[in-house]
Protein backbone atom coordinates (compact mmCIF):
# COMPACT_ATOMS: atom_id res chain seq x y z
CA UNK A 1 103.92 74.61 98.04
CA UNK A 2 102.87 74.82 94.60
CA UNK A 3 101.77 78.31 93.41
CA UNK A 4 98.14 79.36 93.47
CA UNK A 5 95.94 81.56 91.16
CA UNK A 6 96.20 84.16 94.05
CA UNK A 7 99.95 84.39 93.90
CA UNK A 8 100.23 84.02 89.97
CA UNK A 9 97.91 86.86 89.55
CA UNK A 10 99.61 89.39 91.98
CA UNK A 11 102.89 88.26 90.57
CA UNK A 12 101.76 88.80 87.11
CA UNK A 13 100.53 92.37 88.36
CA UNK A 14 103.87 93.28 89.71
CA UNK A 15 106.08 92.03 86.29
CA UNK A 16 103.57 94.04 84.28
CA UNK A 17 104.07 96.96 86.26
CA UNK A 18 107.76 96.52 86.28
CA UNK A 19 107.83 96.26 82.31
CA UNK A 20 105.46 99.24 81.89
CA UNK A 21 107.75 101.44 83.99
CA UNK A 22 109.72 101.97 80.76
CA UNK A 23 112.91 103.89 80.19
CA UNK A 24 111.52 107.22 80.05
CA UNK A 25 110.48 107.12 83.81
CA UNK A 26 113.53 105.08 84.86
CA UNK A 27 115.31 108.16 86.03
CA UNK A 28 112.36 108.68 88.66
CA UNK A 29 112.23 108.13 92.01
CA UNK A 30 108.43 108.29 92.22
CA UNK A 31 106.70 105.28 93.14
CA UNK A 32 105.04 103.21 90.11
CA UNK A 33 101.59 103.18 91.07
CA UNK A 34 98.80 100.36 90.30
CA UNK A 35 95.11 101.29 90.58
CA UNK A 36 93.33 98.16 91.74
CA UNK A 37 89.38 98.03 92.35
CA UNK A 38 87.31 95.11 93.70
CA UNK A 39 84.47 94.55 96.07
CA UNK A 40 86.00 94.26 99.43
CA UNK A 41 82.56 94.64 100.93
CA UNK A 42 79.36 93.15 99.55
CA UNK A 43 78.33 89.64 98.44
CA UNK A 44 81.53 89.22 96.26
CA UNK A 45 83.89 90.04 98.89
CA UNK A 46 85.35 86.36 99.68
CA UNK A 47 86.59 86.69 95.88
CA UNK A 48 88.04 90.17 96.38
CA UNK A 49 89.75 89.32 99.58
CA UNK A 50 91.79 86.78 97.75
CA UNK A 51 92.55 89.23 94.50
CA UNK A 52 93.72 91.78 97.14
CA UNK A 53 96.00 89.27 99.02
CA UNK A 54 97.23 88.05 95.76
CA UNK A 55 98.82 91.54 95.21
CA UNK A 56 100.07 92.09 98.95
CA UNK A 57 102.11 88.62 98.22
CA UNK A 58 103.32 90.17 94.79
CA UNK A 59 104.48 93.27 96.49
CA UNK A 60 105.70 91.47 99.59
CA UNK A 61 107.80 88.96 97.04
CA UNK A 62 109.08 91.89 95.03
CA UNK A 63 110.05 94.00 97.96
CA UNK A 64 107.77 96.67 97.11
CA UNK A 65 110.18 97.51 94.25
CA UNK A 66 110.23 97.61 90.50
CA UNK A 67 113.99 98.07 89.44
CA UNK A 68 115.10 100.88 91.56
CA UNK A 69 111.74 102.42 92.06
CA UNK A 70 109.09 102.06 94.91
CA UNK A 71 106.10 99.73 93.74
CA UNK A 72 102.66 100.41 95.29
CA UNK A 73 98.83 99.82 94.39
CA UNK A 74 95.96 102.03 95.57
CA UNK A 75 92.99 99.54 96.22
CA UNK A 76 89.56 100.80 95.89
CA UNK A 77 86.54 99.06 97.32
CA UNK A 78 83.79 98.64 94.81
CA UNK A 79 81.51 97.52 97.49
CA UNK A 80 79.78 95.02 94.69
CA UNK A 81 78.15 97.89 93.41
CA UNK A 82 78.34 98.65 89.49
CA UNK A 83 77.92 102.27 90.10
CA UNK A 84 80.92 102.37 92.58
CA UNK A 85 82.93 100.47 90.11
CA UNK A 86 82.44 103.27 87.70
CA UNK A 87 83.29 106.22 89.83
CA UNK A 88 86.58 104.06 90.81
CA UNK A 89 87.42 103.74 87.48
CA UNK A 90 86.79 107.28 86.26
CA UNK A 91 89.16 108.39 89.39
CA UNK A 92 92.00 105.95 88.42
CA UNK A 93 91.77 106.94 84.62
CA UNK A 94 91.84 110.52 85.78
CA UNK A 95 95.34 110.06 87.64
CA UNK A 96 98.36 110.16 85.56
CA UNK A 97 100.35 108.73 88.44
CA UNK A 98 98.43 105.40 87.78
CA UNK A 99 100.19 103.38 85.12
CA UNK A 100 98.28 100.36 85.12
CA UNK A 101 94.71 100.06 86.10
CA UNK A 102 93.34 96.46 87.09
CA UNK A 103 89.73 96.64 87.30
CA UNK A 104 86.75 95.17 89.16
CA UNK A 105 84.88 92.20 88.58
CA UNK A 106 81.89 94.21 87.15
CA UNK A 107 81.38 94.73 83.38
CA UNK A 108 79.93 98.38 84.19
CA UNK A 109 83.50 100.18 84.33
CA UNK A 110 84.30 98.88 80.91
CA UNK A 111 83.36 101.96 78.88
CA UNK A 112 85.54 104.33 81.25
CA UNK A 113 88.32 101.62 81.08
CA UNK A 114 88.20 102.06 77.27
CA UNK A 115 89.29 105.44 77.38
CA UNK A 116 92.01 104.99 80.12
CA UNK A 117 95.39 106.36 78.68
CA UNK A 118 97.10 103.69 80.40
CA UNK A 119 96.86 99.83 80.36
CA UNK A 120 93.62 98.80 81.77
CA UNK A 121 92.18 95.17 82.77
CA UNK A 122 88.44 94.63 83.73
CA UNK A 123 88.24 91.59 86.08
CA UNK A 124 84.80 90.83 84.57
CA UNK A 125 85.98 90.64 81.09
CA UNK A 126 86.08 93.41 78.44
CA UNK A 127 86.47 91.61 74.99
CA UNK A 128 85.98 95.14 73.21
CA UNK A 129 89.48 96.67 72.58
CA UNK A 130 89.60 100.47 73.08
CA UNK A 131 90.32 102.91 70.07
CA UNK A 132 93.38 103.50 72.11
CA UNK A 133 94.17 100.12 72.14
CA UNK A 134 94.98 100.10 75.75
CA UNK A 135 92.30 98.03 77.22
CA UNK A 136 93.09 94.31 77.60
CA UNK A 137 90.91 91.54 79.03
């Protein structure tokens, strides 16, 4: 079966998490935690279901590990609501355990992600790089 966009996106997230784990954290047994948001409910739910399935497939493919460390993600439902997307982004940015934040389909959270100390990806596209240089699109 040829790879699908879903499996490629999920696998890319797992590879990114592995590479971001870095040597400084390699001694830790704490899980590598990704923050992921998207509209599981509301008018865009069908697209997000595929997005989430891609993460599940990628974690299954890696055995839920990045090197010797457990690999996990926290998925939050933005409900297809830009205000929810911002609230979730703020929560993820404030959590120091999250090393990579992969964002919603909404542009509304982009300013919050631009303040993110960890690399962030806005699913809806954020072409403006953060002053810290961590926001990617």
